[in-house]
Amino acid sequence: MDTRAVRYFRWLLFWQQQGRCCYCGEHVVLTYRPYDAARPYAATLEHLQRRADGGTGHWSNLAMACRRCNHSRGDRDWLFYASWRRKEF
């Protein structure tokens, strides 16, 4: 996928998810500047089924997550992790 397609897809996910992280529900910032992308609330693309578990880069397996959730999920199932982050237990 070229850079323009990735940017458009990130914008589309941002719009579909109303600017919120798919796990914690907090607002994320859609940015392409390197110093903003390192912030915990920066929007990142997340593979719902991890690639290590056989997930693909297909659009149906991707969602937008804040950087903090994306990096702290580890090997947990995405649905379990979302419930845990939203304190639904």
C-alpha atoms as a PDB file:
ATOM      1  CA  MET A   1       0.000   0.000   0.000  1.00  0.00           C
ATOM      2  CA  ASP A   2       1.431   3.397  -0.871  1.00  0.00           C
ATOM      3  CA  THR A   3       1.697   6.269   1.607  1.00  0.00           C
ATOM      4  CA  ARG A   4      -1.367   8.118   0.326  1.00  0.00           C
ATOM      5  CA  ALA A   5      -3.524   5.004   0.648  1.00  0.00           C
ATOM      6  CA  VAL A   6      -2.336   4.401   4.222  1.00  0.00           C
ATOM      7  CA  ARG A   7      -3.065   8.027   5.159  1.00  0.00           C
ATOM      8  CA  TYR A   8      -6.525   7.839   3.629  1.00  0.00           C
ATOM      9  CA  PHE A   9      -7.246   4.558   5.427  1.00  0.00           C
ATOM     10  CA  ARG A  10      -6.127   6.032   8.768  1.00  0.00           C
ATOM     11  CA  TRP A  11      -8.387   9.037   8.181  1.00  0.00           C
ATOM     12  CA  LEU A  12     -11.289   6.705   7.290  1.00  0.00           C
ATOM     13  CA  LEU A  13     -10.831   4.691  10.504  1.00  0.00           C
ATOM     14  CA  PHE A  14     -10.552   7.930  12.473  1.00  0.00           C
ATOM     15  CA  TRP A  15     -13.872   9.062  11.036  1.00  0.00           C
ATOM     16  CA  GLN A  16     -15.598   5.664  11.539  1.00  0.00           C
ATOM     17  CA  GLN A  17     -14.452   5.396  15.152  1.00  0.00           C
ATOM     18  CA  GLN A  18     -15.343   9.050  15.828  1.00  0.00           C
ATOM     19  CA  GLY A  19     -11.745   9.846  16.739  1.00  0.00           C
ATOM     20  CA  ARG A  20     -11.632   7.333  19.590  1.00  0.00           C
ATOM     21  CA  CYS A  21      -9.358   4.426  20.473  1.00  0.00           C
ATOM     22  CA  CYS A  22     -10.906   1.022  19.771  1.00  0.00           C
ATOM     23  CA  TYR A  23      -9.777  -0.213  23.209  1.00  0.00           C
ATOM     24  CA  CYS A  24     -10.060   2.518  25.823  1.00  0.00           C
ATOM     25  CA  GLY A  25     -12.471   4.835  23.998  1.00  0.00           C
ATOM     26  CA  GLU A  26     -10.320   7.933  24.603  1.00  0.00           C
ATOM     27  CA  HIS A  27      -9.877  10.547  21.895  1.00  0.00           C
ATOM     28  CA  VAL A  28      -6.814  10.064  19.706  1.00  0.00           C
ATOM     29  CA  VAL A  29      -4.848  12.555  17.629  1.00  0.00           C
ATOM     30  CA  LEU A  30      -4.377  11.799  13.959  1.00  0.00           C
ATOM     31  CA  THR A  31      -0.958  13.193  13.055  1.00  0.00           C
ATOM     32  CA  TYR A  32       1.869  12.523  10.652  1.00  0.00           C
ATOM     33  CA  ARG A  33       4.558  14.514  12.463  1.00  0.00           C
ATOM     34  CA  PRO A  34       7.168  12.246  14.111  1.00  0.00           C
ATOM     35  CA  TYR A  35       7.277  14.135  17.428  1.00  0.00           C
ATOM     36  CA  ASP A  36       3.477  13.956  17.789  1.00  0.00           C
ATOM     37  CA  ALA A  37       3.341  10.292  16.749  1.00  0.00           C
ATOM     38  CA  ALA A  38       5.418   9.382  19.823  1.00  0.00           C
ATOM     39  CA  ARG A  39       2.778  10.713  22.241  1.00  0.00           C
ATOM     40  CA  PRO A  40       0.573   8.203  24.136  1.00  0.00           C
ATOM     41  CA  TYR A  41      -2.652   9.485  22.558  1.00  0.00           C
ATOM     42  CA  ALA A  42      -1.381   9.390  18.956  1.00  0.00           C
ATOM     43  CA  ALA A  43      -3.493   7.304  16.568  1.00  0.00           C
ATOM     44  CA  THR A  44      -1.939   4.030  15.386  1.00  0.00           C
ATOM     45  CA  LEU A  45      -3.169   1.203  13.192  1.00  0.00           C
ATOM     46  CA  GLU A  46      -3.850  -1.929  15.223  1.00  0.00           C
ATOM     47  CA  HIS A  47      -4.153  -5.507  13.975  1.00  0.00           C
ATOM     48  CA  LEU A  48      -7.134  -6.980  15.850  1.00  0.00           C
ATOM     49  CA  GLN A  49      -5.894 -10.512  15.273  1.00  0.00           C
ATOM     50  CA  ARG A  50      -2.155 -10.250  15.768  1.00  0.00           C
ATOM     51  CA  ARG A  51       0.069 -11.088  12.826  1.00  0.00           C
ATOM     52  CA  ALA A  52       1.920 -13.486  15.119  1.00  0.00           C
ATOM     53  CA  ASP A  53      -1.380 -15.391  15.495  1.00  0.00           C
ATOM     54  CA  GLY A  54      -2.073 -15.516  11.760  1.00  0.00           C
ATOM     55  CA  GLY A  55      -3.744 -12.127  11.328  1.00  0.00           C
ATOM     56  CA  THR A  56      -3.387 -10.261   8.057  1.00  0.00           C
ATOM     57  CA  GLY A  57      -3.003  -6.657   7.017  1.00  0.00           C
ATOM     58  CA  HIS A  58      -6.439  -6.730   5.391  1.00  0.00           C
ATOM     59  CA  TRP A  59      -8.633  -3.715   6.173  1.00  0.00           C
ATOM     60  CA  SER A  60     -11.153  -5.910   8.010  1.00  0.00           C
ATOM     61  CA  ASN A  61      -8.464  -6.840  10.560  1.00  0.00           C
ATOM     62  CA  LEU A  62      -7.384  -3.255  11.295  1.00  0.00           C
ATOM     63  CA  ALA A  63      -8.665  -0.655  13.749  1.00  0.00           C
ATOM     64  CA  MET A  64      -7.346   2.577  15.224  1.00  0.00           C
ATOM     65  CA  ALA A  65      -5.905   2.538  18.717  1.00  0.00           C
ATOM     66  CA  CYS A  66      -4.033   5.043  20.807  1.00  0.00           C
ATOM     67  CA  ARG A  67      -0.323   4.401  20.976  1.00  0.00           C
ATOM     68  CA  ARG A  68      -0.502   3.477  24.672  1.00  0.00           C
ATOM     69  CA  CYS A  69      -3.108   0.739  24.131  1.00  0.00           C
ATOM     70  CA  ASN A  70      -1.407  -0.523  20.984  1.00  0.00           C
ATOM     71  CA  HIS A  71       1.909  -0.993  22.778  1.00  0.00           C
ATOM     72  CA  SER A  72       0.504  -2.421  26.021  1.00  0.00           C
ATOM     73  CA  ARG A  73      -1.885  -5.023  24.568  1.00  0.00           C
ATOM     74  CA  GLY A  74       0.775  -7.723  24.296  1.00  0.00           C
ATOM     75  CA  ASP A  75      -0.553 -11.164  23.373  1.00  0.00           C
ATOM     76  CA  ARG A  76      -4.050 -10.636  24.807  1.00  0.00           C
ATOM     77  CA  ASP A  77      -7.135 -11.163  22.648  1.00  0.00           C
ATOM     78  CA  TRP A  78      -8.388  -7.813  21.309  1.00  0.00           C
ATOM     79  CA  LEU A  79     -11.915  -8.215  22.679  1.00  0.00           C
ATOM     80  CA  PHE A  80     -10.676  -9.203  26.148  1.00  0.00           C
ATOM     81  CA  TYR A  81      -8.233  -6.304  26.128  1.00  0.00           C
ATOM     82  CA  ALA A  82     -10.930  -3.811  25.085  1.00  0.00           C
ATOM     83  CA  SER A  83     -13.202  -4.972  27.933  1.00  0.00           C
ATOM     84  CA  TRP A  84     -10.333  -4.802  30.402  1.00  0.00           C
ATOM     85  CA  ARG A  85      -9.292  -1.267  29.321  1.00  0.00           C
ATOM     86  CA  ARG A  86     -12.892  -0.032  29.630  1.00  0.00           C
ATOM     87  CA  LYS A  87     -13.218  -1.648  33.083  1.00  0.00           C
ATOM     88  CA  GLU A  88     -16.206  -3.773  32.039  1.00  0.00           C
ATOM     89  CA  PHE A  89     -15.278  -6.669  34.313  1.00  0.00           C
END
